[in-house]
Amino acid sequence: MGRELLDILKKECVVATGCTEPIAVAHAAAIAQEQVFDEDIVSLNVKVDGALYKNATFVGIPGIKERGIPIDAALGVAIGDSKNGLRLLEDITNEQLAKARELVNKNIIEISVIDECKYLYIEVNLFTDRNHVRVIVKDRHQNIISIEKGANLPPVKVEESTIEKDNKIQKYSLSDIIDFVNNVDIKELEFLKDGIKMGLNMAEAGQKKSFGKAMEELISEGTDRDNMVTLAQKLSGAAAEARMAGIPYPVMTTAGSGNHGITVFMTNVAVAQKLNVDEEILLRAIALSNLITVYIKSYTGTLSVMCGCGVAAGVGAGAGVAYMMGGDEKDIFHTIANMIGSISGLICDGGKEGCAFKVALSAGWAVQSALLAMKGSNINTRDGILSEDLNKLFENLGSCTDSMQPTNQSIIGIIRKNSMC
């Protein structure tokens, strides 16, 4: 049990620089470019699912002013080397940026959105004077399922995903996860220290931006109290705003999302600072938070209509906070129920600086939910979409996500209109 949960934790907590949706597009385009070397590019067609489109359209790209899928794809081609994975856009050179801008200005990049697609999907078609290269990504940001090269490739039909999802975590109970967190060799969790350091660096960068400065002023004026709730909001929100603005610093992701990682890491760090929690307890709490987040995402999907910072990372963060406060399994479960029973339904309307407000909301309420649970106040687990069973609770949440596809289409339609303004 312990080895598998540790493997899941390490697989899902990886470092990325920039929002992971633009990176995924650039990564696929870089792989396509690797197949043709120095051949002259005639056109570049990129197809994406709607959820990826909404996350990649307005979000900042590390270190540059341009935004949007065309420049993402062009940068991938300009870089032409996929080995850096989720850190592909970390150090964009002037030469690479100039080449990417040239590709965009030639008007040879076409972007299309597959509205009916319910899972993460990227299809890059790169045409040169001699070849056609097609790269397909499904379900996860770097899950390359197909690389084809030929003079005349037939079109592919986008069908429901046939990939078996990696849902190993669903066989574990909350008791199993807590037992793992309590007993895993602390040396195995030391890699999480990098996530703490990176998150704090990003939060510091965010203190110079709108959200971070405003929060600091509110605390200084006495409008907001300087406590663990506001510190969680300040650190998480500031880090998210900086990341979404394109500050070229890495963060540790959770379940494929840097903002999920920020929510998980910074919420726990804020509480640990206010309670003077020992580093070992903090690392164990962060491990618990990450695993709960991954558990929820196994039901809601990599991208969804609901804001994952609220209904996944925020829930996980709350579980970690309750753990740090000395909560038992019942307290941790009640914290999870308080979160899902209150802020589920928070929509995702794409990646952008405004995500800072949702991240802050999620982080602050995660702390409040844990505090309430520790005081014996929790939402009845037979109410609404809740359940007394952890697996069923997350299954119910995932079912709601699936049924909100019309809402997702409305959001995507609005973003499309806004992108044309």
Protein backbone atom coordinates (compact mmCIF):
# COMPACT_ATOMS: atom_id res chain seq x y z
CA MET A 1 0.00 0.00 0.00
CA GLY A 2 2.62 2.52 1.10
CA ARG A 3 4.81 2.11 -1.98
CA GLU A 4 1.91 2.61 -4.38
CA LEU A 5 0.63 5.73 -2.60
CA LEU A 6 4.15 7.15 -2.53
CA ASP A 7 4.49 6.48 -6.25
CA ILE A 8 1.18 8.25 -6.89
CA LEU A 9 2.31 11.21 -4.79
CA LYS A 10 5.61 11.56 -6.64
CA LYS A 11 3.97 11.12 -10.04
CA GLU A 12 1.38 13.82 -9.36
CA CYS A 13 3.69 16.39 -7.73
CA VAL A 14 6.01 17.58 -10.49
CA VAL A 15 7.55 20.95 -11.27
CA ALA A 16 6.19 23.20 -14.03
CA THR A 17 6.93 26.73 -15.18
CA GLY A 18 3.84 28.53 -16.41
CA CYS A 19 0.24 27.43 -16.78
CA THR A 20 0.17 23.78 -17.82
CA GLU A 21 -2.30 24.17 -20.71
CA PRO A 22 -0.08 26.51 -22.80
CA ILE A 23 2.85 24.25 -21.93
CA ALA A 24 0.95 21.20 -23.18
CA VAL A 25 0.29 22.86 -26.54
CA ALA A 26 3.90 24.02 -26.86
CA HIS A 27 5.18 20.59 -25.84
CA ALA A 28 3.10 18.82 -28.51
CA ALA A 29 4.23 21.36 -31.13
CA ALA A 30 7.87 20.87 -30.11
CA ILE A 31 7.50 17.12 -30.59
CA ALA A 32 6.05 17.72 -34.05
CA GLN A 33 8.97 20.01 -34.93
CA GLU A 34 11.44 17.36 -33.77
CA GLN A 35 10.18 15.10 -36.55
CA VAL A 36 10.97 17.52 -39.41
CA PHE A 37 14.20 19.26 -38.34
CA ASP A 38 14.91 22.15 -40.74
CA GLU A 39 12.10 21.62 -43.27
CA ASP A 40 10.18 24.75 -44.29
CA ILE A 41 6.90 25.10 -42.41
CA VAL A 42 3.84 25.67 -44.59
CA SER A 43 1.11 25.63 -41.94
CA LEU A 44 0.38 24.64 -38.35
CA ASN A 45 -3.09 23.49 -37.31
CA VAL A 46 -3.93 22.96 -33.66
CA LYS A 47 -7.13 21.37 -32.39
CA VAL A 48 -7.94 21.46 -28.66
CA ASP A 49 -10.83 20.57 -26.39
CA GLY A 50 -12.93 23.40 -25.00
CA ALA A 51 -11.66 23.19 -21.44
CA LEU A 52 -8.05 23.50 -22.57
CA TYR A 53 -9.01 26.38 -24.84
CA LYS A 54 -10.54 28.35 -21.98
CA ASN A 55 -7.44 27.83 -19.81
CA ALA A 56 -4.90 28.74 -22.50
CA THR A 57 -6.53 31.76 -24.15
CA PHE A 58 -5.95 34.60 -21.67
CA VAL A 59 -3.32 33.26 -19.29
CA GLY A 60 0.20 34.69 -19.15
CA ILE A 61 3.17 32.87 -20.67
CA PRO A 62 6.44 32.90 -18.70
CA GLY A 63 8.50 35.99 -19.41
CA ILE A 64 6.72 37.32 -22.53
CA LYS A 65 3.83 39.71 -23.19
CA GLU A 66 1.93 37.67 -25.81
CA ARG A 67 -0.88 35.31 -24.84
CA GLY A 68 -2.99 32.68 -26.57
CA ILE A 69 -2.76 29.31 -28.27
CA PRO A 70 -1.15 30.58 -31.52
CA ILE A 71 1.94 31.87 -29.70
CA ASP A 72 1.98 28.73 -27.51
CA ALA A 73 2.17 26.52 -30.57
CA ALA A 74 4.65 28.81 -32.32
CA LEU A 75 6.95 28.75 -29.29
CA GLY A 76 6.90 24.96 -29.29
CA VAL A 77 8.00 24.93 -32.91
CA ALA A 78 10.61 27.61 -32.29
CA ILE A 79 12.06 25.73 -29.32
CA GLY A 80 11.87 22.45 -31.22
CA ASP A 81 13.03 20.35 -28.28
CA SER A 82 10.56 18.65 -25.93
CA LYS A 83 12.98 17.23 -23.36
CA ASN A 84 12.22 19.85 -20.69
CA GLY A 85 8.60 18.74 -20.43
CA LEU A 86 6.55 20.99 -18.16
CA ARG A 87 9.50 23.38 -17.87
CA LEU A 88 9.66 23.84 -21.64
CA LEU A 89 8.76 27.55 -21.47
CA GLU A 90 11.02 28.42 -18.55
CA ASP A 91 13.87 30.09 -20.42
CA ILE A 92 12.56 31.41 -23.74
CA THR A 93 15.44 33.00 -25.64
CA ASN A 94 15.13 36.16 -27.72
CA GLU A 95 15.88 34.11 -30.82
CA GLN A 96 13.10 31.62 -30.05
CA LEU A 97 10.61 34.38 -29.31
CA ALA A 98 11.50 36.18 -32.56
CA LYS A 99 10.98 32.99 -34.55
CA ALA A 100 7.65 32.34 -32.81
CA ARG A 101 6.45 35.86 -33.52
CA GLU A 102 7.43 35.44 -37.15
CA LEU A 103 5.33 32.26 -37.41
CA VAL A 104 2.32 34.01 -35.86
CA ASN A 105 2.70 37.03 -38.14
CA LYS A 106 2.74 34.80 -41.23
CA ASN A 107 -0.86 33.80 -40.41
CA ILE A 108 -0.11 30.14 -41.01
CA ILE A 109 -1.36 28.97 -37.59
CA GLU A 110 -4.97 27.83 -37.38
CA ILE A 111 -6.68 27.06 -34.05
CA SER A 112 -9.91 25.07 -33.76
CA VAL A 113 -11.94 24.01 -30.74
CA ILE A 114 -13.67 20.64 -30.43
CA ASP A 115 -16.75 21.61 -28.46
CA GLU A 116 -18.09 18.12 -27.81
CA CYS A 117 -14.83 16.74 -26.43
CA LYS A 118 -15.15 15.95 -22.69
CA TYR A 119 -11.51 15.23 -21.95
CA LEU A 120 -8.16 16.94 -22.45
CA TYR A 121 -7.29 16.74 -26.15
CA ILE A 122 -4.60 18.36 -28.28
CA GLU A 123 -3.97 17.57 -31.93
CA VAL A 124 -1.07 19.32 -33.62
CA ASN A 125 -0.81 19.04 -37.42
CA LEU A 126 2.44 20.46 -38.75
CA PHE A 127 2.76 20.74 -42.53
CA THR A 128 6.10 21.36 -44.21
CA ASP A 129 7.12 21.46 -47.85
CA ARG A 130 7.79 17.71 -47.61
CA ASN A 131 5.85 16.20 -44.74
CA HIS A 132 2.78 16.17 -42.54
CA VAL A 133 3.36 15.43 -38.85
CA ARG A 134 0.51 14.78 -36.44
CA VAL A 135 0.90 14.64 -32.65
CA ILE A 136 -2.06 13.74 -30.41
CA VAL A 137 -2.30 14.26 -26.65
CA LYS A 138 -5.16 12.81 -24.58
CA ASP A 139 -6.34 12.92 -20.97
CA ARG A 140 -3.18 14.34 -19.41
CA HIS A 141 -0.94 17.22 -20.42
CA GLN A 142 2.02 15.16 -21.61
CA ASN A 143 0.25 11.91 -22.49
CA ILE A 144 1.38 11.62 -26.12
CA ILE A 145 -0.67 8.80 -27.61
CA SER A 146 0.29 9.20 -31.25
CA ILE A 147 3.10 10.62 -33.40
CA GLU A 148 2.59 10.17 -37.14
CA LYS A 149 4.61 11.36 -40.09
CA GLY A 150 3.87 11.07 -43.78
CA ALA A 151 3.25 12.92 -46.99
CA ASN A 152 -0.53 12.65 -46.76
CA LEU A 153 -1.97 11.55 -43.41
CA PRO A 154 -5.73 10.82 -43.32
CA PRO A 155 -7.80 12.86 -40.85
CA VAL A 156 -8.57 11.32 -37.46
CA LYS A 157 -11.93 11.16 -35.73
CA VAL A 158 -12.03 12.48 -32.19
CA GLU A 159 -13.83 9.83 -30.18
CA GLU A 160 -14.52 9.25 -26.51
CA SER A 161 -11.28 8.44 -24.73
CA THR A 162 -10.38 4.77 -24.84
CA ILE A 163 -7.42 5.20 -22.51
CA GLU A 164 -7.77 3.40 -19.21
CA LYS A 165 -7.55 6.13 -16.61
CA ASP A 166 -5.06 5.65 -13.81
CA ASN A 167 -7.48 5.48 -10.89
CA LYS A 168 -5.48 3.29 -8.53
CA ILE A 169 -6.05 5.73 -5.71
CA GLN A 170 -9.80 5.00 -5.68
CA LYS A 171 -9.27 1.64 -3.97
CA TYR A 172 -7.92 3.36 -0.84
CA SER A 173 -9.95 4.56 2.12
CA LEU A 174 -9.32 7.75 4.06
CA SER A 175 -7.98 5.56 6.85
CA ASP A 176 -5.48 3.99 4.44
CA ILE A 177 -4.24 7.40 3.30
CA ILE A 178 -3.90 8.74 6.83
CA ASP A 179 -2.05 5.59 7.86
CA PHE A 180 0.36 6.06 4.95
CA VAL A 181 0.91 9.73 5.82
CA ASN A 182 1.58 8.87 9.45
CA ASN A 183 4.06 6.09 8.74
CA VAL A 184 5.91 6.86 5.51
CA ASP A 185 9.62 7.51 6.05
CA ILE A 186 9.91 11.30 6.25
CA LYS A 187 12.93 11.17 3.95
CA GLU A 188 10.57 10.06 1.17
CA LEU A 189 8.64 13.31 1.54
CA GLU A 190 11.60 15.68 1.47
CA PHE A 191 11.02 16.40 -2.22
CA LEU A 192 7.93 18.35 -1.09
CA LYS A 193 10.28 20.95 0.42
CA ASP A 194 10.95 22.12 -3.14
CA GLY A 195 7.23 22.78 -3.55
CA ILE A 196 7.21 24.87 -0.39
CA LYS A 197 10.21 26.92 -1.48
CA MET A 198 8.89 27.45 -5.01
CA GLY A 199 5.46 28.45 -3.76
CA LEU A 200 6.91 31.00 -1.35
CA ASN A 201 9.12 32.44 -4.11
CA MET A 202 6.09 32.85 -6.36
CA ALA A 203 4.06 34.35 -3.50
CA GLU A 204 6.84 36.88 -2.87
CA ALA A 205 6.76 37.87 -6.54
CA GLY A 206 3.00 38.24 -6.26
CA GLN A 207 3.25 40.68 -3.34
CA LYS A 208 4.14 43.35 -5.92
CA LYS A 209 0.97 42.74 -7.91
CA SER A 210 -2.62 43.83 -7.39
CA PHE A 211 -3.97 41.07 -5.16
CA GLY A 212 -0.91 40.72 -2.94
CA LYS A 213 -0.57 44.47 -2.40
CA ALA A 214 -4.26 44.90 -1.65
CA MET A 215 -4.26 42.06 0.87
CA GLU A 216 -1.22 43.51 2.62
CA GLU A 217 -2.88 46.92 2.82
CA LEU A 218 -6.10 45.44 4.23
CA ILE A 219 -4.14 43.66 6.94
CA SER A 220 -2.04 46.75 7.73
CA GLU A 221 -5.18 48.91 7.99
CA GLY A 222 -6.79 46.39 10.31
CA THR A 223 -9.65 45.68 7.91
CA ASP A 224 -8.49 42.06 7.72
CA ARG A 225 -6.97 40.36 10.75
CA ASP A 226 -3.47 38.92 10.50
CA ASN A 227 -4.38 35.29 11.15
CA MET A 228 -3.97 31.90 9.49
CA VAL A 229 -7.00 32.41 7.26
CA THR A 230 -5.82 35.69 5.76
CA LEU A 231 -2.23 34.47 5.51
CA ALA A 232 -3.43 31.43 3.53
CA GLN A 233 -5.40 33.75 1.27
CA LYS A 234 -2.52 36.17 0.85
CA LEU A 235 0.16 33.58 0.06
CA SER A 236 -2.04 31.48 -2.21
CA GLY A 237 -3.69 34.36 -4.04
CA ALA A 238 -0.48 36.31 -4.57
CA ALA A 239 1.33 33.23 -5.90
CA ALA A 240 -1.55 32.40 -8.26
CA GLU A 241 -1.72 35.94 -9.64
CA ALA A 242 2.03 36.01 -10.29
CA ARG A 243 1.93 32.64 -12.02
CA MET A 244 -1.08 33.54 -14.17
CA ALA A 245 0.59 36.82 -15.11
CA GLY A 246 3.56 34.94 -16.57
CA ILE A 247 6.20 35.34 -13.87
CA PRO A 248 8.81 32.81 -15.07
CA TYR A 249 9.24 30.95 -11.79
CA PRO A 250 8.56 27.23 -11.36
CA VAL A 251 6.02 25.79 -8.93
CA MET A 252 5.23 22.24 -7.88
CA THR A 253 2.01 21.05 -9.49
CA THR A 254 -0.67 18.83 -8.04
CA ALA A 255 -2.61 16.54 -10.39
CA GLY A 256 -1.40 18.47 -13.44
CA SER A 257 -2.12 21.99 -12.17
CA GLY A 258 0.23 24.61 -10.78
CA ASN A 259 -2.63 26.52 -9.16
CA HIS A 260 -3.75 23.32 -7.45
CA GLY A 261 -0.20 22.98 -6.17
CA ILE A 262 -0.14 26.57 -4.94
CA THR A 263 -3.46 26.09 -3.13
CA VAL A 264 -2.28 22.89 -1.44
CA PHE A 265 1.22 24.00 -0.51
CA MET A 266 0.61 27.62 0.49
CA THR A 267 -2.52 26.94 2.56
CA ASN A 268 -0.65 24.38 4.63
CA VAL A 269 2.43 26.59 4.89
CA ALA A 270 0.36 29.53 6.15
CA VAL A 271 -1.23 27.47 8.91
CA ALA A 272 2.09 25.89 9.83
CA GLN A 273 3.65 29.34 10.19
CA LYS A 274 0.87 30.59 12.46
CA LEU A 275 0.83 27.44 14.60
CA ASN A 276 4.61 26.95 14.61
CA VAL A 277 4.12 23.43 13.30
CA ASP A 278 7.16 21.16 13.05
CA GLU A 279 8.46 20.70 9.49
CA GLU A 280 7.86 16.95 9.58
CA ILE A 281 4.17 17.42 10.43
CA LEU A 282 3.89 20.03 7.68
CA LEU A 283 5.34 17.65 5.09
CA ARG A 284 2.99 14.88 6.16
CA ALA A 285 0.04 17.29 5.98
CA ILE A 286 1.05 18.38 2.47
CA ALA A 287 1.33 14.73 1.43
CA LEU A 288 -2.21 14.12 2.71
CA SER A 289 -3.50 17.22 0.93
CA ASN A 290 -1.97 16.16 -2.35
CA LEU A 291 -3.35 12.64 -2.19
CA ILE A 292 -6.87 13.86 -1.41
CA THR A 293 -6.62 16.29 -4.32
CA VAL A 294 -5.49 13.51 -6.67
CA TYR A 295 -8.32 11.31 -5.36
CA ILE A 296 -10.92 13.93 -6.25
CA LYS A 297 -9.38 14.63 -9.66
CA SER A 298 -9.62 10.92 -10.49
CA TYR A 299 -13.40 11.51 -10.52
CA THR A 300 -13.65 15.07 -11.86
CA GLY A 301 -11.00 14.77 -14.60
CA THR A 302 -7.86 16.68 -15.50
CA LEU A 303 -9.90 19.71 -16.62
CA SER A 304 -13.50 20.39 -15.74
CA VAL A 305 -16.27 22.97 -15.57
CA MET A 306 -15.71 23.33 -11.82
CA CYS A 307 -12.72 25.22 -10.45
CA GLY A 308 -10.34 22.49 -9.32
CA CYS A 309 -8.69 24.87 -6.86
CA GLY A 310 -11.98 24.93 -4.98
CA VAL A 311 -13.45 21.46 -5.36
CA ALA A 312 -10.17 19.50 -5.39
CA ALA A 313 -7.08 21.35 -4.14
CA GLY A 314 -9.06 23.41 -1.63
CA VAL A 315 -10.62 20.24 -0.25
CA GLY A 316 -7.22 18.58 -0.05
CA ALA A 317 -5.73 21.64 1.62
CA GLY A 318 -8.46 21.59 4.25
CA ALA A 319 -7.71 17.94 5.02
CA GLY A 320 -4.04 18.81 5.55
CA VAL A 321 -4.92 21.72 7.83
CA ALA A 322 -7.15 19.51 9.98
CA TYR A 323 -4.30 16.98 10.18
CA MET A 324 -1.87 19.68 11.35
CA MET A 325 -4.35 20.78 14.00
CA GLY A 326 -4.30 17.26 15.43
CA GLY A 327 -7.58 16.18 13.88
CA ASP A 328 -8.47 12.51 13.69
CA GLU A 329 -10.02 10.71 10.71
CA LYS A 330 -13.50 11.98 11.59
CA ASP A 331 -12.31 15.60 11.79
CA ILE A 332 -10.51 15.31 8.47
CA PHE A 333 -13.56 13.75 6.79
CA HIS A 334 -15.83 16.45 8.20
CA THR A 335 -13.46 19.11 6.84
CA ILE A 336 -13.70 17.50 3.40
CA ALA A 337 -17.50 17.42 3.67
CA ASN A 338 -17.62 21.06 4.78
CA MET A 339 -15.68 22.08 1.69
CA ILE A 340 -17.66 20.02 -0.82
CA GLY A 341 -20.96 20.88 0.83
CA SER A 342 -20.28 24.60 0.57
CA ILE A 343 -18.20 25.69 -2.43
CA SER A 344 -18.75 22.89 -4.94
CA GLY A 345 -20.15 24.45 -8.08
CA LEU A 346 -17.52 27.19 -8.23
CA ILE A 347 -17.01 27.43 -12.00
CA CYS A 348 -13.76 27.46 -13.94
CA ASP A 349 -13.88 30.26 -16.49
CA GLY A 350 -10.33 29.89 -17.74
CA GLY A 351 -6.80 30.65 -16.68
CA LYS A 352 -5.99 34.32 -15.97
CA GLU A 353 -4.86 36.61 -13.16
CA GLY A 354 -8.38 36.57 -11.72
CA CYS A 355 -7.78 32.95 -10.65
CA ALA A 356 -6.03 34.52 -7.65
CA PHE A 357 -9.43 35.37 -6.15
CA LYS A 358 -10.74 31.81 -6.50
CA VAL A 359 -7.50 30.37 -5.14
CA ALA A 360 -7.68 32.74 -2.16
CA LEU A 361 -11.33 31.89 -1.58
CA SER A 362 -10.50 28.18 -1.63
CA ALA A 363 -7.47 28.53 0.64
CA GLY A 364 -9.25 30.68 3.21
CA TRP A 365 -12.34 28.51 3.33
CA ALA A 366 -10.18 25.38 3.59
CA VAL A 367 -8.77 26.75 6.84
CA GLN A 368 -12.22 27.83 8.07
CA SER A 369 -13.70 24.43 7.22
CA ALA A 370 -11.00 22.70 9.24
CA LEU A 371 -11.47 25.06 12.18
CA LEU A 372 -15.22 24.45 12.15
CA ALA A 373 -14.77 20.68 11.93
CA MET A 374 -12.36 20.76 14.85
CA LYS A 375 -15.07 22.57 16.84
CA GLY A 376 -17.56 19.85 16.00
CA SER A 377 -19.41 21.84 13.34
CA ASN A 378 -19.92 20.02 10.06
CA ILE A 379 -22.51 19.70 7.32
CA ASN A 380 -24.67 16.61 7.66
CA THR A 381 -23.07 14.02 5.37
CA ARG A 382 -26.52 12.86 4.23
CA ASP A 383 -27.33 16.32 2.88
CA GLY A 384 -27.21 17.31 -0.78
CA ILE A 385 -24.47 15.62 -2.77
CA LEU A 386 -22.59 14.52 0.35
CA SER A 387 -22.10 10.96 1.55
CA GLU A 388 -20.76 9.19 4.61
CA ASP A 389 -18.44 7.24 2.28
CA LEU A 390 -15.37 9.02 0.89
CA ASN A 391 -15.43 7.21 -2.45
CA LYS A 392 -19.13 7.87 -2.96
CA LEU A 393 -18.69 11.51 -1.94
CA PHE A 394 -16.08 12.08 -4.64
CA GLU A 395 -18.09 10.03 -7.14
CA ASN A 396 -21.08 12.30 -6.53
CA LEU A 397 -18.91 15.36 -7.13
CA GLY A 398 -17.59 13.88 -10.38
CA SER A 399 -21.13 13.10 -11.51
CA CYS A 400 -22.10 16.75 -11.02
CA THR A 401 -19.10 17.82 -13.07
CA ASP A 402 -20.14 15.52 -15.93
CA SER A 403 -23.69 16.88 -15.93
CA MET A 404 -22.50 20.51 -16.13
CA GLN A 405 -21.25 20.25 -19.73
CA PRO A 406 -23.85 22.76 -21.03
CA THR A 407 -22.48 25.25 -18.50
CA ASN A 408 -18.98 24.57 -19.78
CA GLN A 409 -20.12 25.24 -23.35
CA SER A 410 -21.63 28.56 -22.27
CA ILE A 411 -18.36 29.57 -20.58
CA ILE A 412 -16.31 28.59 -23.63
CA GLY A 413 -18.67 30.55 -25.91
CA ILE A 414 -18.28 33.67 -23.76
CA ILE A 415 -14.48 33.34 -23.76
CA ARG A 416 -14.49 32.95 -27.54
CA LYS A 417 -16.46 36.17 -27.89
CA ASN A 418 -14.17 37.99 -25.48
CA SER A 419 -11.08 36.80 -27.34
CA MET A 420 -12.36 38.50 -30.48
CA CYS A 421 -12.81 41.90 -28.80
